[in-house]
Amino acid sequence: MHRVSSMNIRDVSIKELSSPELLPEFCNLLSLTLKHTNALNEITSVVLLLKSMPQLNTLKILGIPYSKEEKISHRAGY
């Protein structure tokens, strides 16, 4: 099991990343960059994810245009 310390994610992939199977991987997450695509239906998922990460020191929210053709992506640092 690898412990992730920093991560960049798109808001449309939050539900998958906050699953009970993956959430323990983020217990050491200190820095999160959220690429926000104005997907209003994802706000609840964002709030629930942030509540489950009290150790988070840095949160960046970047606005990016949403494109259905673009693949859902994330990048992590270990």
N, C-alpha and C. Protein backbone atom coordinates (compact mmCIF):
# COMPACT_ATOMS: atom_id res chain seq x y z
N MET A 1 0.83 -1.17 0.00
CA MET A 1 0.00 0.00 0.00
C MET A 1 0.88 1.24 0.00
N HIS A 2 0.63 2.15 -0.92
CA HIS A 2 1.36 3.41 -1.00
C HIS A 2 0.53 4.50 -0.35
N ARG A 3 1.19 5.40 0.33
CA ARG A 3 0.50 6.54 0.95
C ARG A 3 0.75 7.77 0.10
N VAL A 4 -0.31 8.38 -0.38
CA VAL A 4 -0.23 9.54 -1.25
C VAL A 4 -0.09 10.79 -0.39
N SER A 5 0.86 11.69 -0.74
CA SER A 5 1.04 12.92 0.02
C SER A 5 0.52 14.15 -0.72
N SER A 6 0.46 14.09 -2.06
CA SER A 6 -0.10 15.20 -2.82
C SER A 6 -0.85 14.65 -4.01
N MET A 7 -1.88 15.38 -4.44
CA MET A 7 -2.70 14.86 -5.52
C MET A 7 -3.36 15.99 -6.29
N ASN A 8 -3.46 15.81 -7.60
CA ASN A 8 -4.21 16.70 -8.49
C ASN A 8 -5.35 15.88 -9.07
N ILE A 9 -6.59 16.33 -8.90
CA ILE A 9 -7.72 15.58 -9.43
C ILE A 9 -8.73 16.52 -10.06
N ARG A 10 -9.51 15.97 -10.98
CA ARG A 10 -10.65 16.69 -11.54
C ARG A 10 -11.86 16.39 -10.66
N ASP A 11 -12.72 17.36 -10.49
CA ASP A 11 -13.87 17.17 -9.61
C ASP A 11 -14.80 16.06 -10.09
N VAL A 12 -14.80 15.73 -11.37
CA VAL A 12 -15.68 14.68 -11.87
C VAL A 12 -15.18 13.28 -11.50
N SER A 13 -13.98 13.16 -10.94
CA SER A 13 -13.46 11.85 -10.54
C SER A 13 -13.46 11.65 -9.03
N ILE A 14 -14.03 12.58 -8.29
CA ILE A 14 -14.00 12.51 -6.83
C ILE A 14 -14.74 11.31 -6.28
N LYS A 15 -15.89 10.98 -6.83
CA LYS A 15 -16.67 9.85 -6.31
C LYS A 15 -15.86 8.56 -6.35
N GLU A 16 -15.16 8.33 -7.45
CA GLU A 16 -14.36 7.11 -7.57
C GLU A 16 -13.20 7.12 -6.58
N LEU A 17 -12.55 8.26 -6.42
CA LEU A 17 -11.38 8.34 -5.55
C LEU A 17 -11.72 8.33 -4.07
N SER A 18 -12.95 8.67 -3.72
CA SER A 18 -13.32 8.68 -2.30
C SER A 18 -14.05 7.41 -1.89
N SER A 19 -13.92 6.37 -2.67
CA SER A 19 -14.54 5.09 -2.33
C SER A 19 -13.88 4.50 -1.08
N PRO A 20 -14.60 3.70 -0.31
CA PRO A 20 -14.03 3.10 0.91
C PRO A 20 -12.77 2.28 0.64
N GLU A 21 -12.64 1.72 -0.56
CA GLU A 21 -11.46 0.93 -0.89
C GLU A 21 -10.23 1.81 -1.08
N LEU A 22 -10.39 2.99 -1.65
CA LEU A 22 -9.26 3.87 -1.94
C LEU A 22 -8.97 4.90 -0.86
N LEU A 23 -9.96 5.28 -0.08
CA LEU A 23 -9.78 6.35 0.90
C LEU A 23 -8.62 6.14 1.87
N PRO A 24 -8.34 4.91 2.35
CA PRO A 24 -7.18 4.72 3.23
C PRO A 24 -5.85 5.11 2.59
N GLU A 25 -5.78 5.08 1.26
CA GLU A 25 -4.56 5.50 0.56
C GLU A 25 -4.24 6.97 0.80
N PHE A 26 -5.23 7.75 1.18
CA PHE A 26 -5.07 9.19 1.31
C PHE A 26 -4.95 9.67 2.75
N CYS A 27 -4.64 8.79 3.68
CA CYS A 27 -4.54 9.19 5.09
C CYS A 27 -3.37 10.14 5.33
N ASN A 28 -2.37 10.16 4.45
CA ASN A 28 -1.23 11.08 4.58
C ASN A 28 -1.29 12.23 3.59
N LEU A 29 -2.42 12.43 2.95
CA LEU A 29 -2.55 13.48 1.95
C LEU A 29 -2.45 14.85 2.61
N LEU A 30 -1.48 15.63 2.19
CA LEU A 30 -1.26 16.96 2.75
C LEU A 30 -1.63 18.07 1.77
N SER A 31 -1.59 17.77 0.48
CA SER A 31 -1.82 18.79 -0.54
C SER A 31 -2.77 18.24 -1.60
N LEU A 32 -3.83 18.99 -1.87
CA LEU A 32 -4.81 18.58 -2.87
C LEU A 32 -5.07 19.74 -3.82
N THR A 33 -4.95 19.48 -5.11
CA THR A 33 -5.32 20.45 -6.14
C THR A 33 -6.55 19.90 -6.84
N LEU A 34 -7.63 20.64 -6.76
CA LEU A 34 -8.90 20.23 -7.36
C LEU A 34 -9.13 21.04 -8.62
N LYS A 35 -9.22 20.36 -9.73
CA LYS A 35 -9.49 21.02 -11.01
C LYS A 35 -11.00 21.06 -11.19
N HIS A 36 -11.58 22.21 -10.93
CA HIS A 36 -13.03 22.38 -10.89
C HIS A 36 -13.58 22.69 -12.27
N THR A 37 -14.58 21.92 -12.70
CA THR A 37 -15.16 22.07 -14.03
C THR A 37 -16.58 22.62 -13.98
N ASN A 38 -16.96 23.21 -12.86
CA ASN A 38 -18.31 23.75 -12.67
C ASN A 38 -19.37 22.67 -12.70
N ALA A 39 -19.01 21.45 -12.38
CA ALA A 39 -19.99 20.37 -12.29
C ALA A 39 -20.70 20.49 -10.94
N LEU A 40 -21.80 21.21 -10.91
CA LEU A 40 -22.48 21.52 -9.65
C LEU A 40 -22.94 20.27 -8.92
N ASN A 41 -23.20 19.19 -9.64
CA ASN A 41 -23.64 17.97 -8.98
C ASN A 41 -22.51 17.29 -8.22
N GLU A 42 -21.28 17.77 -8.33
CA GLU A 42 -20.14 17.18 -7.64
C GLU A 42 -19.80 17.91 -6.34
N ILE A 43 -20.49 18.99 -6.01
CA ILE A 43 -20.16 19.77 -4.82
C ILE A 43 -20.30 18.93 -3.55
N THR A 44 -21.35 18.15 -3.44
CA THR A 44 -21.54 17.30 -2.26
C THR A 44 -20.39 16.31 -2.13
N SER A 45 -19.96 15.73 -3.22
CA SER A 45 -18.84 14.78 -3.19
C SER A 45 -17.56 15.46 -2.74
N VAL A 46 -17.34 16.70 -3.18
CA VAL A 46 -16.15 17.45 -2.78
C VAL A 46 -16.17 17.70 -1.28
N VAL A 47 -17.30 18.13 -0.75
CA VAL A 47 -17.42 18.41 0.68
C VAL A 47 -17.18 17.14 1.49
N LEU A 48 -17.77 16.04 1.09
CA LEU A 48 -17.59 14.78 1.82
C LEU A 48 -16.13 14.32 1.78
N LEU A 49 -15.48 14.49 0.64
CA LEU A 49 -14.07 14.11 0.54
C LEU A 49 -13.21 14.97 1.46
N LEU A 50 -13.44 16.27 1.47
CA LEU A 50 -12.65 17.17 2.32
C LEU A 50 -12.89 16.91 3.80
N LYS A 51 -14.11 16.56 4.18
CA LYS A 51 -14.40 16.25 5.58
C LYS A 51 -13.67 14.98 6.03
N SER A 52 -13.38 14.10 5.10
CA SER A 52 -12.70 12.85 5.45
C SER A 52 -11.18 13.02 5.47
N MET A 53 -10.68 14.24 5.22
CA MET A 53 -9.24 14.51 5.18
C MET A 53 -8.86 15.65 6.11
N PRO A 54 -8.98 15.47 7.43
CA PRO A 54 -8.66 16.56 8.35
C PRO A 54 -7.17 16.93 8.35
N GLN A 55 -6.31 16.06 7.85
CA GLN A 55 -4.87 16.30 7.83
C GLN A 55 -4.43 17.19 6.68
N LEU A 56 -5.34 17.55 5.78
CA LEU A 56 -5.01 18.34 4.60
C LEU A 56 -4.51 19.73 4.99
N ASN A 57 -3.31 20.09 4.51
CA ASN A 57 -2.71 21.40 4.79
C ASN A 57 -2.94 22.41 3.68
N THR A 58 -2.98 21.94 2.44
CA THR A 58 -3.07 22.83 1.29
C THR A 58 -4.17 22.37 0.36
N LEU A 59 -5.04 23.29 -0.01
CA LEU A 59 -6.09 23.01 -0.99
C LEU A 59 -6.05 24.10 -2.05
N LYS A 60 -5.91 23.70 -3.29
CA LYS A 60 -5.97 24.63 -4.42
C LYS A 60 -7.16 24.22 -5.28
N ILE A 61 -7.92 25.21 -5.72
CA ILE A 61 -9.04 24.94 -6.62
C ILE A 61 -8.79 25.73 -7.90
N LEU A 62 -8.65 25.01 -8.99
CA LEU A 62 -8.39 25.63 -10.29
C LEU A 62 -9.63 25.49 -11.17
N GLY A 63 -10.09 26.56 -11.76
CA GLY A 63 -11.21 26.50 -12.68
C GLY A 63 -10.72 26.12 -14.07
N ILE A 64 -11.32 25.08 -14.63
CA ILE A 64 -10.98 24.66 -15.99
C ILE A 64 -12.28 24.38 -16.74
N PRO A 65 -12.29 24.55 -18.05
CA PRO A 65 -13.50 24.24 -18.82
C PRO A 65 -13.77 22.74 -18.83
N TYR A 66 -15.03 22.37 -18.78
CA TYR A 66 -15.42 20.96 -18.79
C TYR A 66 -15.56 20.48 -20.23
N SER A 67 -15.01 19.33 -20.51
CA SER A 67 -15.12 18.72 -21.83
C SER A 67 -15.45 17.25 -21.65
N LYS A 68 -16.59 16.81 -22.18
CA LYS A 68 -16.97 15.40 -22.05
C LYS A 68 -16.00 14.49 -22.80
N GLU A 69 -15.33 15.01 -23.80
CA GLU A 69 -14.39 14.21 -24.56
C GLU A 69 -13.09 13.96 -23.79
N GLU A 70 -12.78 14.85 -22.86
CA GLU A 70 -11.53 14.72 -22.11
C GLU A 70 -11.65 13.58 -21.10
N LYS A 71 -10.60 12.77 -20.99
CA LYS A 71 -10.61 11.65 -20.06
C LYS A 71 -10.52 12.15 -18.63
N ILE A 72 -11.17 11.43 -17.73
CA ILE A 72 -11.06 11.72 -16.30
C ILE A 72 -9.64 11.38 -15.87
N SER A 73 -9.01 12.29 -15.15
CA SER A 73 -7.60 12.06 -14.82
C SER A 73 -7.28 12.48 -13.40
N HIS A 74 -6.21 11.92 -12.90
CA HIS A 74 -5.66 12.35 -11.62
C HIS A 74 -4.16 12.09 -11.65
N ARG A 75 -3.45 12.82 -10.83
CA ARG A 75 -2.00 12.66 -10.72
C ARG A 75 -1.67 12.70 -9.24
N ALA A 76 -0.81 11.82 -8.80
CA ALA A 76 -0.49 11.74 -7.38
C ALA A 76 1.02 11.73 -7.16
N GLY A 77 1.45 12.24 -6.00
CA GLY A 77 2.84 12.18 -5.59
C GLY A 77 2.97 11.33 -4.34
N TYR A 78 4.00 10.51 -4.29
CA TYR A 78 4.18 9.60 -3.16
C TYR A 78 5.36 10.02 -2.31
